[in-house]
Amino acid sequence: MFFICDNHDPDDLEFRLFPEHCVRGTDEARVIPELSGYEGDVIPKRRYSAFFGTDLEERLAELKPEKIII
């Protein structure tokens, strides 16, 4: 299981388009409490796409899942 979490620098350029959110080191950048009891790897992302600048594509290719639930 993967948890995809927004994780932005305080001066992230994305904040020109969207309000400040999920700044690295804050509670907003962590897995939500309702899901935190489940085991899984956190993949921090800094852009709108969970694939941009992350290893998500490689990890999915390695696992070859038949189904993905978002």
N, C-alpha and C. Protein backbone atom coordinates (compact mmCIF):
# COMPACT_ATOMS: atom_id res chain seq x y z
N MET A 1 0.85 -1.17 0.00
CA MET A 1 0.00 0.00 0.00
C MET A 1 0.90 1.23 0.00
N PHE A 2 0.49 2.22 -0.77
CA PHE A 2 1.20 3.49 -0.81
C PHE A 2 0.28 4.60 -0.34
N PHE A 3 0.85 5.52 0.38
CA PHE A 3 0.16 6.75 0.75
C PHE A 3 0.85 7.88 0.00
N ILE A 4 0.10 8.59 -0.82
CA ILE A 4 0.65 9.71 -1.57
C ILE A 4 0.30 10.99 -0.80
N CYS A 5 1.32 11.66 -0.31
CA CYS A 5 1.09 12.84 0.54
C CYS A 5 1.74 14.08 -0.06
N ASP A 6 0.96 15.15 -0.20
CA ASP A 6 1.55 16.43 -0.56
C ASP A 6 2.61 16.77 0.48
N ASN A 7 3.72 17.32 0.02
CA ASN A 7 4.82 17.63 0.92
C ASN A 7 5.61 18.77 0.30
N HIS A 8 5.28 20.00 0.65
CA HIS A 8 5.83 21.18 -0.01
C HIS A 8 6.82 21.93 0.87
N ASP A 9 7.79 22.56 0.19
CA ASP A 9 8.67 23.51 0.87
C ASP A 9 7.84 24.74 1.21
N PRO A 10 8.21 25.49 2.25
CA PRO A 10 7.44 26.68 2.61
C PRO A 10 7.33 27.71 1.49
N ASP A 11 8.30 27.75 0.59
CA ASP A 11 8.27 28.72 -0.50
C ASP A 11 7.96 28.07 -1.85
N ASP A 12 7.27 26.96 -1.84
CA ASP A 12 6.96 26.20 -3.06
C ASP A 12 6.23 27.07 -4.08
N LEU A 13 6.63 26.96 -5.35
CA LEU A 13 6.02 27.74 -6.41
C LEU A 13 4.54 27.39 -6.62
N GLU A 14 4.13 26.20 -6.19
CA GLU A 14 2.73 25.80 -6.34
C GLU A 14 1.80 26.75 -5.59
N PHE A 15 2.33 27.41 -4.57
CA PHE A 15 1.50 28.32 -3.77
C PHE A 15 1.14 29.59 -4.54
N ARG A 16 1.69 29.77 -5.73
CA ARG A 16 1.25 30.86 -6.60
C ARG A 16 -0.10 30.52 -7.24
N LEU A 17 -0.38 29.21 -7.36
CA LEU A 17 -1.63 28.74 -7.98
C LEU A 17 -2.65 28.30 -6.95
N PHE A 18 -2.17 27.75 -5.84
CA PHE A 18 -3.05 27.21 -4.80
C PHE A 18 -2.67 27.81 -3.46
N PRO A 19 -3.61 27.88 -2.52
CA PRO A 19 -3.27 28.36 -1.19
C PRO A 19 -2.20 27.47 -0.54
N GLU A 20 -1.45 28.02 0.38
CA GLU A 20 -0.44 27.25 1.10
C GLU A 20 -1.09 26.04 1.77
N HIS A 21 -0.46 24.88 1.62
CA HIS A 21 -1.01 23.65 2.17
C HIS A 21 0.10 22.60 2.27
N CYS A 22 -0.06 21.67 3.19
CA CYS A 22 0.81 20.49 3.31
C CYS A 22 2.29 20.85 3.29
N VAL A 23 2.67 21.81 4.10
CA VAL A 23 4.07 22.22 4.18
C VAL A 23 4.84 21.15 4.95
N ARG A 24 6.00 20.77 4.40
CA ARG A 24 6.84 19.74 5.00
C ARG A 24 6.99 19.98 6.50
N GLY A 25 6.82 18.92 7.28
CA GLY A 25 6.98 18.99 8.73
C GLY A 25 5.71 19.34 9.48
N THR A 26 4.62 19.65 8.76
CA THR A 26 3.35 19.95 9.43
C THR A 26 2.44 18.73 9.41
N ASP A 27 1.41 18.74 10.23
CA ASP A 27 0.45 17.63 10.25
C ASP A 27 -0.24 17.44 8.91
N GLU A 28 -0.46 18.52 8.17
CA GLU A 28 -1.12 18.41 6.86
C GLU A 28 -0.32 17.55 5.87
N ALA A 29 0.99 17.44 6.05
CA ALA A 29 1.83 16.69 5.12
C ALA A 29 1.95 15.21 5.51
N ARG A 30 1.24 14.81 6.55
CA ARG A 30 1.29 13.42 7.02
C ARG A 30 0.04 12.66 6.57
N VAL A 31 0.10 11.35 6.70
CA VAL A 31 -1.06 10.50 6.42
C VAL A 31 -2.15 10.88 7.41
N ILE A 32 -3.39 10.98 6.93
CA ILE A 32 -4.49 11.40 7.81
C ILE A 32 -4.70 10.35 8.91
N PRO A 33 -5.15 10.78 10.09
CA PRO A 33 -5.31 9.86 11.22
C PRO A 33 -6.17 8.63 10.90
N GLU A 34 -7.20 8.81 10.08
CA GLU A 34 -8.09 7.69 9.76
C GLU A 34 -7.37 6.56 9.02
N LEU A 35 -6.26 6.87 8.36
CA LEU A 35 -5.52 5.85 7.61
C LEU A 35 -4.17 5.51 8.24
N SER A 36 -3.76 6.25 9.24
CA SER A 36 -2.41 6.09 9.79
C SER A 36 -2.19 4.73 10.47
N GLY A 37 -3.24 4.01 10.80
CA GLY A 37 -3.08 2.70 11.42
C GLY A 37 -2.76 1.60 10.42
N TYR A 38 -2.89 1.89 9.14
CA TYR A 38 -2.58 0.90 8.10
C TYR A 38 -1.10 0.96 7.75
N GLU A 39 -0.54 -0.18 7.44
CA GLU A 39 0.86 -0.25 7.05
C GLU A 39 0.99 0.11 5.57
N GLY A 40 1.98 0.89 5.26
CA GLY A 40 2.23 1.27 3.88
C GLY A 40 3.38 2.25 3.78
N ASP A 41 3.83 2.47 2.58
CA ASP A 41 4.93 3.40 2.33
C ASP A 41 4.38 4.76 1.94
N VAL A 42 4.96 5.79 2.51
CA VAL A 42 4.58 7.16 2.16
C VAL A 42 5.43 7.62 0.99
N ILE A 43 4.77 8.12 -0.04
CA ILE A 43 5.46 8.72 -1.17
C ILE A 43 5.13 10.21 -1.15
N PRO A 44 6.09 11.04 -0.74
CA PRO A 44 5.82 12.48 -0.72
C PRO A 44 5.85 13.04 -2.14
N LYS A 45 4.91 13.94 -2.42
CA LYS A 45 4.87 14.57 -3.75
C LYS A 45 4.86 16.07 -3.59
N ARG A 46 5.45 16.75 -4.58
CA ARG A 46 5.55 18.21 -4.52
C ARG A 46 4.77 18.90 -5.61
N ARG A 47 4.15 18.15 -6.49
CA ARG A 47 3.37 18.74 -7.57
C ARG A 47 2.01 18.07 -7.62
N TYR A 48 1.16 18.58 -8.50
CA TYR A 48 -0.21 18.07 -8.62
C TYR A 48 -0.22 16.57 -8.94
N SER A 49 0.69 16.13 -9.81
CA SER A 49 0.77 14.72 -10.19
C SER A 49 1.58 13.93 -9.18
N ALA A 50 1.09 12.77 -8.81
CA ALA A 50 1.82 11.88 -7.90
C ALA A 50 2.97 11.19 -8.62
N PHE A 51 3.05 11.31 -9.94
CA PHE A 51 4.12 10.70 -10.71
C PHE A 51 5.30 11.65 -10.94
N PHE A 52 5.04 12.95 -10.93
CA PHE A 52 6.10 13.93 -11.21
C PHE A 52 7.10 13.99 -10.06
N GLY A 53 8.35 13.64 -10.34
CA GLY A 53 9.40 13.75 -9.34
C GLY A 53 9.35 12.71 -8.23
N THR A 54 8.59 11.63 -8.43
CA THR A 54 8.53 10.55 -7.44
C THR A 54 8.90 9.23 -8.11
N ASP A 55 9.04 8.19 -7.32
CA ASP A 55 9.32 6.87 -7.87
C ASP A 55 8.06 6.01 -7.99
N LEU A 56 6.90 6.63 -7.98
CA LEU A 56 5.63 5.88 -8.02
C LEU A 56 5.53 4.99 -9.25
N GLU A 57 5.87 5.51 -10.42
CA GLU A 57 5.75 4.72 -11.64
C GLU A 57 6.64 3.47 -11.58
N GLU A 58 7.86 3.62 -11.11
CA GLU A 58 8.77 2.48 -11.01
C GLU A 58 8.26 1.45 -10.00
N ARG A 59 7.74 1.93 -8.90
CA ARG A 59 7.25 1.01 -7.86
C ARG A 59 6.03 0.24 -8.35
N LEU A 60 5.15 0.90 -9.09
CA LEU A 60 4.00 0.21 -9.65
C LEU A 60 4.43 -0.79 -10.72
N ALA A 61 5.41 -0.42 -11.54
CA ALA A 61 5.90 -1.33 -12.58
C ALA A 61 6.50 -2.59 -11.95
N GLU A 62 7.17 -2.42 -10.83
CA GLU A 62 7.78 -3.55 -10.13
C GLU A 62 6.71 -4.48 -9.56
N LEU A 63 5.65 -3.91 -9.01
CA LEU A 63 4.58 -4.70 -8.38
C LEU A 63 3.61 -5.32 -9.40
N LYS A 64 3.45 -4.66 -10.54
CA LYS A 64 2.51 -5.10 -11.58
C LYS A 64 1.11 -5.39 -11.01
N PRO A 65 0.52 -4.41 -10.35
CA PRO A 65 -0.81 -4.66 -9.75
C PRO A 65 -1.89 -4.84 -10.83
N GLU A 66 -2.85 -5.69 -10.54
CA GLU A 66 -3.99 -5.87 -11.44
C GLU A 66 -5.06 -4.82 -11.20
N LYS A 67 -5.07 -4.26 -10.01
CA LYS A 67 -6.08 -3.26 -9.66
C LYS A 67 -5.43 -2.20 -8.77
N ILE A 68 -5.83 -0.96 -9.00
CA ILE A 68 -5.38 0.16 -8.16
C ILE A 68 -6.63 0.86 -7.64
N ILE A 69 -6.68 1.04 -6.34
CA ILE A 69 -7.81 1.74 -5.71
C ILE A 69 -7.29 3.08 -5.22
N ILE A 70 -7.96 4.14 -5.68
CA ILE A 70 -7.54 5.49 -5.30
C ILE A 70 -8.60 6.09 -4.39
